[in-house]
Amino acid sequence: MPPRHRGALGYHGVCLRPNGGYYSEIRSGDLRLSLGTYETVHEAARAFDAAAWRLGRPRGQMNFQYVYTLQQALDVAPPPRLNTAQDRVEHAALQRRLLVAQEDEWVMEEWRRRHPEDVAYEQDYWARRREEDTRRRREERLDKCRRKALENAQMDIVAAGGRSFFTKNDDLWLDICLSTSDDTDEDDDGDDGSD
């Protein structure tokens, strides 16, 4: 007998995930049991039938009517994923990290509630820090533009046949030449908004 088609995908208890997998779940009273995500809709429907059989559901509520015993339901269902010791260790580590993160969020929220002056101080600190960083970047950009202008003026003087006021091995001249670039823009204040 062909499978019973229900719902948009044609099977009961199966829905399509955005990633292209098929999710299967079954409800038992107020409890919703997740059966996992499968590569094909047929596998997800088989997993639903195996769970329905275990929960004692009548065959009329199953996707495949030709399943008469639990063994047949288990035979057509995809094999369960084996949880290894490494999986359990990784899961326990993730759970610990999650608990620490949740506890940290709770403690920080409690701290903010009890000490609003600290929150205000921290916000003021970061506002001052952003202002200082912006001011420093603008000063550095202005200094770079001045050095570039001085370098260009020296190049123009030398190109016109004049004599440079820098000596050949002058450290200041090398500093100016090495610390400037051709892409300086006088309108650019250096604040790229990346804070």
N, C-alpha and C. Protein backbone atom coordinates (compact mmCIF):
# COMPACT_ATOMS: atom_id res chain seq x y z
N MET A 1 0.85 -1.17 0.00
CA MET A 1 0.00 0.00 0.00
C MET A 1 0.90 1.24 0.00
N PRO A 2 0.60 2.23 -0.81
CA PRO A 2 1.44 3.43 -0.86
C PRO A 2 1.33 4.22 0.44
N PRO A 3 2.33 5.06 0.71
CA PRO A 3 2.28 5.84 1.93
C PRO A 3 1.15 6.86 1.89
N ARG A 4 0.65 7.18 3.09
CA ARG A 4 -0.40 8.19 3.18
C ARG A 4 0.23 9.56 3.06
N HIS A 5 -0.30 10.38 2.21
CA HIS A 5 0.24 11.72 2.01
C HIS A 5 -0.57 12.72 2.81
N ARG A 6 0.14 13.52 3.60
CA ARG A 6 -0.50 14.55 4.42
C ARG A 6 0.37 15.79 4.41
N GLY A 7 -0.23 16.91 4.59
CA GLY A 7 0.53 18.14 4.71
C GLY A 7 1.17 18.56 3.40
N ALA A 8 1.93 19.65 3.47
CA ALA A 8 2.55 20.22 2.28
C ALA A 8 3.59 19.28 1.67
N LEU A 9 4.31 18.53 2.51
CA LEU A 9 5.33 17.61 2.01
C LEU A 9 4.77 16.23 1.71
N GLY A 10 3.54 16.01 2.08
CA GLY A 10 2.93 14.72 1.81
C GLY A 10 3.06 13.72 2.93
N TYR A 11 3.68 14.10 4.05
CA TYR A 11 3.86 13.18 5.16
C TYR A 11 3.49 13.87 6.46
N HIS A 12 2.98 13.08 7.38
CA HIS A 12 2.60 13.59 8.69
C HIS A 12 3.84 13.72 9.58
N GLY A 13 3.99 14.86 10.29
CA GLY A 13 5.08 15.04 11.24
C GLY A 13 6.41 15.43 10.62
N VAL A 14 6.41 15.89 9.36
CA VAL A 14 7.65 16.25 8.66
C VAL A 14 7.53 17.66 8.12
N CYS A 15 8.59 18.45 8.29
CA CYS A 15 8.61 19.79 7.69
C CYS A 15 9.99 20.05 7.09
N LEU A 16 10.01 20.93 6.10
CA LEU A 16 11.24 21.27 5.39
C LEU A 16 11.95 22.39 6.13
N ARG A 17 13.24 22.23 6.36
CA ARG A 17 14.08 23.25 7.01
C ARG A 17 14.65 24.18 5.94
N PRO A 18 15.02 25.42 6.34
CA PRO A 18 15.61 26.36 5.37
C PRO A 18 16.92 25.84 4.75
N ASN A 19 17.64 24.98 5.47
CA ASN A 19 18.90 24.46 4.94
C ASN A 19 18.70 23.29 3.97
N GLY A 20 17.45 22.91 3.73
CA GLY A 20 17.16 21.84 2.79
C GLY A 20 16.94 20.49 3.43
N GLY A 21 17.17 20.36 4.73
CA GLY A 21 16.94 19.11 5.43
C GLY A 21 15.47 18.97 5.81
N TYR A 22 15.09 17.78 6.19
CA TYR A 22 13.71 17.51 6.59
C TYR A 22 13.68 17.18 8.07
N TYR A 23 12.88 17.93 8.80
CA TYR A 23 12.78 17.81 10.25
C TYR A 23 11.56 16.98 10.58
N SER A 24 11.72 16.06 11.52
CA SER A 24 10.61 15.21 11.92
C SER A 24 10.37 15.37 13.42
N GLU A 25 9.11 15.47 13.78
CA GLU A 25 8.74 15.55 15.20
C GLU A 25 7.39 14.89 15.40
N ILE A 26 7.13 14.51 16.64
CA ILE A 26 5.85 13.90 16.99
C ILE A 26 5.40 14.49 18.31
N ARG A 27 4.10 14.62 18.46
CA ARG A 27 3.55 15.17 19.70
C ARG A 27 2.92 14.04 20.51
N SER A 28 3.13 14.15 21.82
CA SER A 28 2.53 13.19 22.73
C SER A 28 1.92 14.00 23.87
N GLY A 29 0.64 14.25 23.77
CA GLY A 29 -0.01 15.12 24.75
C GLY A 29 0.50 16.54 24.57
N ASP A 30 0.98 17.15 25.65
CA ASP A 30 1.53 18.50 25.57
C ASP A 30 3.01 18.50 25.19
N LEU A 31 3.60 17.33 25.08
CA LEU A 31 5.03 17.21 24.82
C LEU A 31 5.30 17.07 23.33
N ARG A 32 6.28 17.84 22.84
CA ARG A 32 6.69 17.74 21.44
C ARG A 32 8.06 17.08 21.40
N LEU A 33 8.15 15.93 20.75
CA LEU A 33 9.39 15.17 20.69
C LEU A 33 10.06 15.38 19.34
N SER A 34 11.28 15.89 19.36
CA SER A 34 12.04 16.08 18.13
C SER A 34 12.68 14.76 17.74
N LEU A 35 12.52 14.37 16.50
CA LEU A 35 13.09 13.12 16.01
C LEU A 35 14.34 13.35 15.17
N GLY A 36 14.67 14.59 14.91
CA GLY A 36 15.91 14.91 14.20
C GLY A 36 15.68 15.44 12.80
N THR A 37 16.78 15.75 12.14
CA THR A 37 16.77 16.26 10.77
C THR A 37 17.37 15.21 9.85
N TYR A 38 16.72 14.99 8.72
CA TYR A 38 17.13 13.93 7.79
C TYR A 38 17.35 14.51 6.40
N GLU A 39 18.09 13.77 5.59
CA GLU A 39 18.42 14.24 4.25
C GLU A 39 17.23 14.13 3.29
N THR A 40 16.38 13.13 3.48
CA THR A 40 15.24 12.95 2.57
C THR A 40 13.94 12.98 3.37
N VAL A 41 12.87 13.36 2.69
CA VAL A 41 11.56 13.40 3.33
C VAL A 41 11.11 11.99 3.70
N HIS A 42 11.52 11.01 2.91
CA HIS A 42 11.13 9.62 3.17
C HIS A 42 11.74 9.12 4.49
N GLU A 43 13.02 9.45 4.74
CA GLU A 43 13.67 9.06 6.00
C GLU A 43 12.98 9.71 7.19
N ALA A 44 12.63 10.99 7.06
CA ALA A 44 11.96 11.70 8.15
C ALA A 44 10.60 11.08 8.44
N ALA A 45 9.87 10.70 7.38
CA ALA A 45 8.57 10.06 7.57
C ALA A 45 8.72 8.69 8.23
N ARG A 46 9.76 7.96 7.88
CA ARG A 46 10.01 6.66 8.52
C ARG A 46 10.33 6.83 10.00
N ALA A 47 11.12 7.84 10.33
CA ALA A 47 11.43 8.10 11.74
C ALA A 47 10.16 8.43 12.51
N PHE A 48 9.26 9.19 11.89
CA PHE A 48 7.98 9.50 12.53
C PHE A 48 7.20 8.23 12.80
N ASP A 49 7.16 7.33 11.82
CA ASP A 49 6.40 6.09 12.00
C ASP A 49 6.98 5.23 13.12
N ALA A 50 8.31 5.14 13.21
CA ALA A 50 8.92 4.34 14.28
C ALA A 50 8.55 4.92 15.64
N ALA A 51 8.58 6.24 15.77
CA ALA A 51 8.21 6.87 17.04
C ALA A 51 6.73 6.69 17.32
N ALA A 52 5.90 6.81 16.28
CA ALA A 52 4.46 6.62 16.47
C ALA A 52 4.16 5.20 16.94
N TRP A 53 4.88 4.23 16.39
CA TRP A 53 4.66 2.84 16.81
C TRP A 53 5.05 2.67 18.27
N ARG A 54 6.19 3.25 18.67
CA ARG A 54 6.63 3.15 20.07
C ARG A 54 5.65 3.81 21.02
N LEU A 55 4.99 4.87 20.57
CA LEU A 55 4.02 5.56 21.42
C LEU A 55 2.65 4.90 21.39
N GLY A 56 2.52 3.83 20.63
CA GLY A 56 1.27 3.08 20.60
C GLY A 56 0.19 3.73 19.74
N ARG A 57 0.57 4.51 18.78
CA ARG A 57 -0.40 5.15 17.89
C ARG A 57 -0.99 4.12 16.94
N PRO A 58 -2.25 4.31 16.54
CA PRO A 58 -2.83 3.39 15.56
C PRO A 58 -2.17 3.56 14.18
N ARG A 59 -2.25 2.52 13.36
CA ARG A 59 -1.63 2.58 12.04
C ARG A 59 -2.23 3.67 11.17
N GLY A 60 -3.43 4.06 11.44
CA GLY A 60 -4.07 5.13 10.66
C GLY A 60 -3.37 6.47 10.80
N GLN A 61 -2.62 6.67 11.88
CA GLN A 61 -1.90 7.92 12.09
C GLN A 61 -0.48 7.87 11.54
N MET A 62 -0.10 6.75 10.96
CA MET A 62 1.26 6.60 10.44
C MET A 62 1.30 6.96 8.97
N ASN A 63 2.49 7.24 8.50
CA ASN A 63 2.68 7.59 7.10
C ASN A 63 2.65 6.37 6.18
N PHE A 64 3.15 5.24 6.66
CA PHE A 64 3.23 4.02 5.85
C PHE A 64 2.33 2.97 6.49
N GLN A 65 1.30 2.56 5.76
CA GLN A 65 0.30 1.64 6.30
C GLN A 65 0.78 0.20 6.35
N TYR A 66 1.82 -0.15 5.61
CA TYR A 66 2.25 -1.55 5.54
C TYR A 66 3.11 -1.97 6.72
N VAL A 67 3.30 -1.12 7.69
CA VAL A 67 4.08 -1.45 8.88
C VAL A 67 3.13 -2.05 9.91
N TYR A 68 3.36 -3.34 10.25
CA TYR A 68 2.45 -4.03 11.16
C TYR A 68 3.07 -4.32 12.52
N THR A 69 4.39 -4.26 12.63
CA THR A 69 5.05 -4.54 13.90
C THR A 69 6.10 -3.47 14.19
N LEU A 70 6.52 -3.42 15.44
CA LEU A 70 7.57 -2.48 15.82
C LEU A 70 8.86 -2.78 15.06
N GLN A 71 9.14 -4.06 14.88
CA GLN A 71 10.36 -4.43 14.16
C GLN A 71 10.33 -3.92 12.73
N GLN A 72 9.18 -4.01 12.08
CA GLN A 72 9.07 -3.47 10.72
C GLN A 72 9.26 -1.95 10.72
N ALA A 73 8.71 -1.29 11.72
CA ALA A 73 8.87 0.17 11.82
C ALA A 73 10.33 0.53 12.02
N LEU A 74 11.01 -0.24 12.87
CA LEU A 74 12.44 0.02 13.10
C LEU A 74 13.28 -0.32 11.87
N ASP A 75 12.85 -1.34 11.11
CA ASP A 75 13.60 -1.72 9.91
C ASP A 75 13.56 -0.63 8.85
N VAL A 76 12.44 0.05 8.71
CA VAL A 76 12.34 1.09 7.68
C VAL A 76 12.83 2.44 8.17
N ALA A 77 12.95 2.59 9.48
CA ALA A 77 13.44 3.87 10.03
C ALA A 77 14.94 3.97 9.84
N PRO A 78 15.45 5.18 9.63
CA PRO A 78 16.90 5.33 9.51
C PRO A 78 17.57 4.99 10.83
N PRO A 79 18.78 4.48 10.80
CA PRO A 79 19.45 4.11 12.05
C PRO A 79 19.72 5.35 12.89
N PRO A 80 19.60 5.21 14.19
CA PRO A 80 19.87 6.37 15.05
C PRO A 80 21.35 6.72 15.04
N ARG A 81 21.63 7.98 15.25
CA ARG A 81 23.02 8.42 15.32
C ARG A 81 23.61 7.91 16.63
N LEU A 82 24.81 7.35 16.55
CA LEU A 82 25.47 6.84 17.74
C LEU A 82 26.16 7.98 18.47
N ASN A 83 25.93 8.08 19.75
CA ASN A 83 26.61 9.07 20.57
C ASN A 83 27.86 8.43 21.15
N THR A 84 28.99 8.96 20.76
CA THR A 84 30.26 8.42 21.26
C THR A 84 30.65 9.14 22.54
N ALA A 85 31.68 8.62 23.18
CA ALA A 85 32.18 9.26 24.40
C ALA A 85 32.67 10.67 24.09
N GLN A 86 33.27 10.85 22.92
CA GLN A 86 33.75 12.18 22.54
C GLN A 86 32.56 13.14 22.36
N ASP A 87 31.46 12.66 21.78
CA ASP A 87 30.26 13.49 21.65
C ASP A 87 29.77 13.94 23.02
N ARG A 88 29.76 13.02 23.98
CA ARG A 88 29.28 13.36 25.32
C ARG A 88 30.21 14.38 25.98
N VAL A 89 31.52 14.22 25.80
CA VAL A 89 32.48 15.17 26.37
C VAL A 89 32.29 16.56 25.76
N GLU A 90 32.15 16.61 24.43
CA GLU A 90 31.94 17.90 23.76
C GLU A 90 30.64 18.54 24.21
N HIS A 91 29.60 17.73 24.34
CA HIS A 91 28.31 18.27 24.78
C HIS A 91 28.41 18.82 26.21
N ALA A 92 29.09 18.09 27.08
CA ALA A 92 29.26 18.55 28.47
C ALA A 92 30.05 19.86 28.50
N ALA A 93 31.09 19.96 27.67
CA ALA A 93 31.88 21.20 27.63
C ALA A 93 31.04 22.37 27.13
N LEU A 94 30.23 22.12 26.10
CA LEU A 94 29.36 23.18 25.59
C LEU A 94 28.33 23.60 26.64
N GLN A 95 27.81 22.63 27.38
CA GLN A 95 26.83 22.95 28.43
C GLN A 95 27.48 23.79 29.52
N ARG A 96 28.71 23.44 29.91
CA ARG A 96 29.41 24.24 30.93
C ARG A 96 29.62 25.67 30.45
N ARG A 97 30.05 25.82 29.19
CA ARG A 97 30.26 27.17 28.64
C ARG A 97 28.96 27.96 28.63
N LEU A 98 27.88 27.27 28.26
CA LEU A 98 26.58 27.93 28.22
C LEU A 98 26.16 28.37 29.62
N LEU A 99 26.36 27.51 30.61
CA LEU A 99 26.01 27.87 31.98
C LEU A 99 26.84 29.04 32.48
N VAL A 100 28.13 29.05 32.17
CA VAL A 100 28.99 30.16 32.58
C VAL A 100 28.53 31.45 31.92
N ALA A 101 28.22 31.38 30.63
CA ALA A 101 27.77 32.58 29.91
C ALA A 101 26.45 33.09 30.48
N GLN A 102 25.52 32.18 30.77
CA GLN A 102 24.24 32.59 31.34
C GLN A 102 24.43 33.20 32.72
N GLU A 103 25.27 32.59 33.53
CA GLU A 103 25.55 33.12 34.86
C GLU A 103 26.20 34.49 34.77
N ASP A 104 27.12 34.65 33.84
CA ASP A 104 27.79 35.93 33.64
C ASP A 104 26.79 37.01 33.24
N GLU A 105 25.90 36.68 32.33
CA GLU A 105 24.88 37.65 31.92
C GLU A 105 23.99 38.02 33.10
N TRP A 106 23.61 37.04 33.89
CA TRP A 106 22.74 37.30 35.04
C TRP A 106 23.46 38.21 36.04
N VAL A 107 24.73 37.90 36.34
CA VAL A 107 25.51 38.69 37.30
C VAL A 107 25.68 40.12 36.79
N MET A 108 25.99 40.28 35.50
CA MET A 108 26.16 41.63 34.95
C MET A 108 24.85 42.41 34.99
N GLU A 109 23.75 41.76 34.71
CA GLU A 109 22.45 42.44 34.78
C GLU A 109 22.15 42.87 36.22
N GLU A 110 22.43 41.99 37.15
CA GLU A 110 22.23 42.33 38.57
C GLU A 110 23.14 43.48 38.98
N TRP A 111 24.38 43.46 38.52
CA TRP A 111 25.33 44.54 38.84
C TRP A 111 24.82 45.87 38.27
N ARG A 112 24.35 45.85 37.04
CA ARG A 112 23.83 47.08 36.44
C ARG A 112 22.64 47.62 37.22
N ARG A 113 21.81 46.70 37.68
CA ARG A 113 20.62 47.13 38.43
C ARG A 113 21.01 47.75 39.76
N ARG A 114 21.99 47.15 40.44
CA ARG A 114 22.38 47.62 41.77
C ARG A 114 23.33 48.82 41.75
N HIS A 115 24.10 48.97 40.68
CA HIS A 115 25.12 50.02 40.62
C HIS A 115 25.00 50.83 39.33
N PRO A 116 23.96 51.63 39.20
CA PRO A 116 23.80 52.41 37.97
C PRO A 116 24.91 53.45 37.79
N GLU A 117 25.54 53.87 38.90
CA GLU A 117 26.63 54.85 38.77
C GLU A 117 27.82 54.24 38.04
N ASP A 118 28.06 52.94 38.23
CA ASP A 118 29.15 52.27 37.51
C ASP A 118 28.85 52.20 36.02
N VAL A 119 27.59 51.96 35.70
CA VAL A 119 27.20 51.91 34.29
C VAL A 119 27.40 53.28 33.64
N ALA A 120 26.98 54.33 34.36
CA ALA A 120 27.16 55.69 33.83
C ALA A 120 28.65 56.01 33.67
N TYR A 121 29.46 55.61 34.66
CA TYR A 121 30.90 55.86 34.58
C TYR A 121 31.51 55.14 33.38
N GLU A 122 31.10 53.87 33.17
CA GLU A 122 31.64 53.11 32.05
C GLU A 122 31.25 53.73 30.72
N GLN A 123 30.02 54.18 30.60
CA GLN A 123 29.58 54.83 29.36
C GLN A 123 30.35 56.12 29.12
N ASP A 124 30.57 56.91 30.20
CA ASP A 124 31.36 58.14 30.07
C ASP A 124 32.80 57.82 29.66
N TYR A 125 33.36 56.78 30.27
CA TYR A 125 34.73 56.39 29.94
C TYR A 125 34.87 56.08 28.46
N TRP A 126 33.97 55.26 27.93
CA TRP A 126 34.08 54.87 26.52
C TRP A 126 33.79 56.05 25.60
N ALA A 127 32.91 56.96 26.01
CA ALA A 127 32.67 58.16 25.20
C ALA A 127 33.94 59.01 25.15
N ARG A 128 34.59 59.20 26.32
CA ARG A 128 35.85 59.96 26.35
C ARG A 128 36.91 59.28 25.52
N ARG A 129 36.98 57.97 25.62
CA ARG A 129 37.98 57.21 24.87
C ARG A 129 37.79 57.38 23.37
N ARG A 130 36.52 57.31 22.92
CA ARG A 130 36.25 57.51 21.49
C ARG A 130 36.64 58.91 21.05
N GLU A 131 36.32 59.92 21.88
CA GLU A 131 36.69 61.30 21.55
C GLU A 131 38.20 61.46 21.47
N GLU A 132 38.92 60.88 22.44
CA GLU A 132 40.39 60.97 22.44
C GLU A 132 40.99 60.27 21.22
N ASP A 133 40.46 59.11 20.89
CA ASP A 133 40.96 58.39 19.72
C ASP A 133 40.71 59.18 18.44
N THR A 134 39.53 59.78 18.34
CA THR A 134 39.21 60.59 17.16
C THR A 134 40.13 61.80 17.09
N ARG A 135 40.33 62.48 18.23
CA ARG A 135 41.22 63.64 18.27
C ARG A 135 42.64 63.25 17.89
N ARG A 136 43.12 62.13 18.43
CA ARG A 136 44.48 61.67 18.12
C ARG A 136 44.63 61.35 16.64
N ARG A 137 43.65 60.66 16.06
CA ARG A 137 43.72 60.33 14.63
C ARG A 137 43.71 61.59 13.77
N ARG A 138 42.91 62.58 14.17
CA ARG A 138 42.87 63.84 13.41
C ARG A 138 44.20 64.57 13.49
N GLU A 139 44.81 64.58 14.69
CA GLU A 139 46.12 65.23 14.84
C GLU A 139 47.18 64.51 14.01
N GLU A 140 47.15 63.19 14.03
CA GLU A 140 48.11 62.43 13.22
C GLU A 140 47.92 62.70 11.74
N ARG A 141 46.68 62.76 11.30
CA ARG A 141 46.39 63.03 9.89
C ARG A 141 46.84 64.44 9.52
N LEU A 142 46.58 65.41 10.40
CA LEU A 142 47.00 66.79 10.14
C LEU A 142 48.52 66.88 10.06
N ASP A 143 49.22 66.20 10.98
CA ASP A 143 50.68 66.20 10.96
C ASP A 143 51.19 65.57 9.66
N LYS A 144 50.55 64.50 9.24
CA LYS A 144 50.95 63.84 8.01
C LYS A 144 50.73 64.76 6.81
N CYS A 145 49.62 65.49 6.80
CA CYS A 145 49.35 66.43 5.71
C CYS A 145 50.39 67.55 5.69
N ARG A 146 50.76 68.06 6.87
CA ARG A 146 51.78 69.11 6.94
C ARG A 146 53.12 68.60 6.39
N ARG A 147 53.49 67.40 6.81
CA ARG A 147 54.75 66.82 6.32
C ARG A 147 54.70 66.63 4.81
N LYS A 148 53.56 66.19 4.32
CA LYS A 148 53.41 65.99 2.88
C LYS A 148 53.53 67.32 2.14
N ALA A 149 52.91 68.36 2.69
CA ALA A 149 53.00 69.68 2.06
C ALA A 149 54.44 70.17 2.05
N LEU A 150 55.16 69.98 3.16
CA LEU A 150 56.57 70.37 3.22
C LEU A 150 57.40 69.59 2.20
N GLU A 151 57.13 68.30 2.09
CA GLU A 151 57.85 67.48 1.12
C GLU A 151 57.57 67.96 -0.30
N ASN A 152 56.30 68.22 -0.60
CA ASN A 152 55.95 68.71 -1.94
C ASN A 152 56.60 70.05 -2.23
N ALA A 153 56.62 70.94 -1.22
CA ALA A 153 57.26 72.25 -1.41
C ALA A 153 58.74 72.08 -1.70
N GLN A 154 59.40 71.19 -0.97
CA GLN A 154 60.83 70.94 -1.21
C GLN A 154 61.06 70.38 -2.60
N MET A 155 60.20 69.46 -3.03
CA MET A 155 60.34 68.89 -4.36
C MET A 155 60.17 69.96 -5.43
N ASP A 156 59.18 70.88 -5.22
CA ASP A 156 58.96 71.97 -6.17
C ASP A 156 60.17 72.89 -6.24
N ILE A 157 60.75 73.20 -5.08
CA ILE A 157 61.92 74.09 -5.03
C ILE A 157 63.08 73.45 -5.79
N VAL A 158 63.33 72.18 -5.52
CA VAL A 158 64.44 71.48 -6.17
C VAL A 158 64.17 71.35 -7.67
N ALA A 159 62.91 71.07 -8.06
CA ALA A 159 62.56 70.92 -9.48
C ALA A 159 62.72 72.24 -10.23
N ALA A 160 62.51 73.37 -9.52
CA ALA A 160 62.64 74.69 -10.16
C ALA A 160 64.09 75.16 -10.21
N GLY A 161 65.00 74.34 -9.74
CA GLY A 161 66.41 74.69 -9.79
C GLY A 161 66.92 75.30 -8.51
N GLY A 162 66.08 75.35 -7.51
CA GLY A 162 66.49 75.91 -6.22
C GLY A 162 67.27 74.89 -5.40
N ARG A 163 67.64 75.36 -4.24
CA ARG A 163 68.44 74.52 -3.35
C ARG A 163 67.60 74.14 -2.14
N SER A 164 67.61 72.85 -1.79
CA SER A 164 66.85 72.38 -0.64
C SER A 164 67.52 72.82 0.64
N PHE A 165 66.72 73.15 1.64
CA PHE A 165 67.30 73.51 2.93
C PHE A 165 67.61 72.28 3.77
N PHE A 166 67.30 71.08 3.24
CA PHE A 166 67.71 69.84 3.90
C PHE A 166 69.04 69.39 3.32
N THR A 167 69.87 68.83 4.17
CA THR A 167 71.12 68.25 3.68
C THR A 167 70.83 66.88 3.10
N LYS A 168 71.80 66.31 2.43
CA LYS A 168 71.60 65.05 1.73
C LYS A 168 71.23 63.91 2.68
N ASN A 169 71.84 63.85 3.85
CA ASN A 169 71.60 62.77 4.81
C ASN A 169 70.82 63.26 6.02
N ASP A 170 69.97 64.24 5.83
CA ASP A 170 69.21 64.81 6.95
C ASP A 170 68.13 63.81 7.39
N ASP A 171 68.11 63.48 8.69
CA ASP A 171 67.12 62.53 9.22
C ASP A 171 65.70 63.07 9.09
N LEU A 172 65.53 64.37 9.23
CA LEU A 172 64.20 64.97 9.11
C LEU A 172 63.66 64.77 7.70
N TRP A 173 64.50 64.95 6.69
CA TRP A 173 64.07 64.74 5.31
C TRP A 173 63.66 63.29 5.08
N LEU A 174 64.47 62.35 5.58
CA LEU A 174 64.13 60.93 5.45
C LEU A 174 62.83 60.62 6.19
N ASP A 175 62.66 61.22 7.36
CA ASP A 175 61.44 61.00 8.14
C ASP A 175 60.23 61.51 7.38
N ILE A 176 60.35 62.68 6.77
CA ILE A 176 59.23 63.24 6.02
C ILE A 176 58.90 62.34 4.83
N CYS A 177 59.92 61.93 4.11
CA CYS A 177 59.68 61.10 2.91
C CYS A 177 59.10 59.74 3.26
N LEU A 178 59.56 59.15 4.34
CA LEU A 178 59.10 57.81 4.69
C LEU A 178 57.74 57.80 5.38
N SER A 179 57.38 58.88 6.06
CA SER A 179 56.16 58.85 6.86
C SER A 179 54.96 59.44 6.14
N THR A 180 55.11 59.85 4.90
CA THR A 180 53.96 60.39 4.17
C THR A 180 53.63 59.47 3.02
N SER A 181 52.42 59.60 2.56
CA SER A 181 52.00 58.79 1.42
C SER A 181 51.34 59.70 0.40
N ASP A 182 51.15 59.19 -0.79
CA ASP A 182 50.56 59.99 -1.86
C ASP A 182 49.05 60.07 -1.76
N ASP A 183 48.44 59.30 -0.86
CA ASP A 183 46.98 59.26 -0.82
C ASP A 183 46.39 60.12 0.27
N THR A 184 47.12 61.10 0.80
CA THR A 184 46.56 61.96 1.83
C THR A 184 45.52 62.87 1.20
N ASP A 185 44.44 63.03 1.91
CA ASP A 185 43.35 63.87 1.46
C ASP A 185 43.12 64.92 2.52
N GLU A 186 43.14 66.18 2.14
CA GLU A 186 43.02 67.25 3.13
C GLU A 186 41.65 67.24 3.80
N ASP A 187 40.62 66.73 3.11
CA ASP A 187 39.28 66.70 3.69
C ASP A 187 39.08 65.52 4.63
N ASP A 188 39.97 64.55 4.56
CA ASP A 188 39.85 63.34 5.37
C ASP A 188 40.36 63.61 6.78
N ASP A 189 39.51 63.36 7.78
CA ASP A 189 39.94 63.59 9.16
C ASP A 189 40.44 62.31 9.81
N GLY A 190 40.46 61.22 9.06
CA GLY A 190 40.96 59.96 9.59
C GLY A 190 39.93 59.19 10.38
N ASP A 191 38.75 59.73 10.55
CA ASP A 191 37.72 59.04 11.32
C ASP A 191 36.90 58.20 10.35
N ASP A 192 37.23 56.94 10.26
CA ASP A 192 36.56 56.06 9.31
C ASP A 192 35.35 55.37 9.91
N GLY A 193 35.02 55.67 11.18
CA GLY A 193 33.85 55.09 11.81
C GLY A 193 34.02 53.63 12.17
N SER A 194 35.23 53.15 12.27
CA SER A 194 35.46 51.73 12.56
C SER A 194 35.54 51.45 14.05
N ASP A 195 35.23 52.41 14.90
CA ASP A 195 35.28 52.18 16.35
C ASP A 195 34.17 51.31 16.79
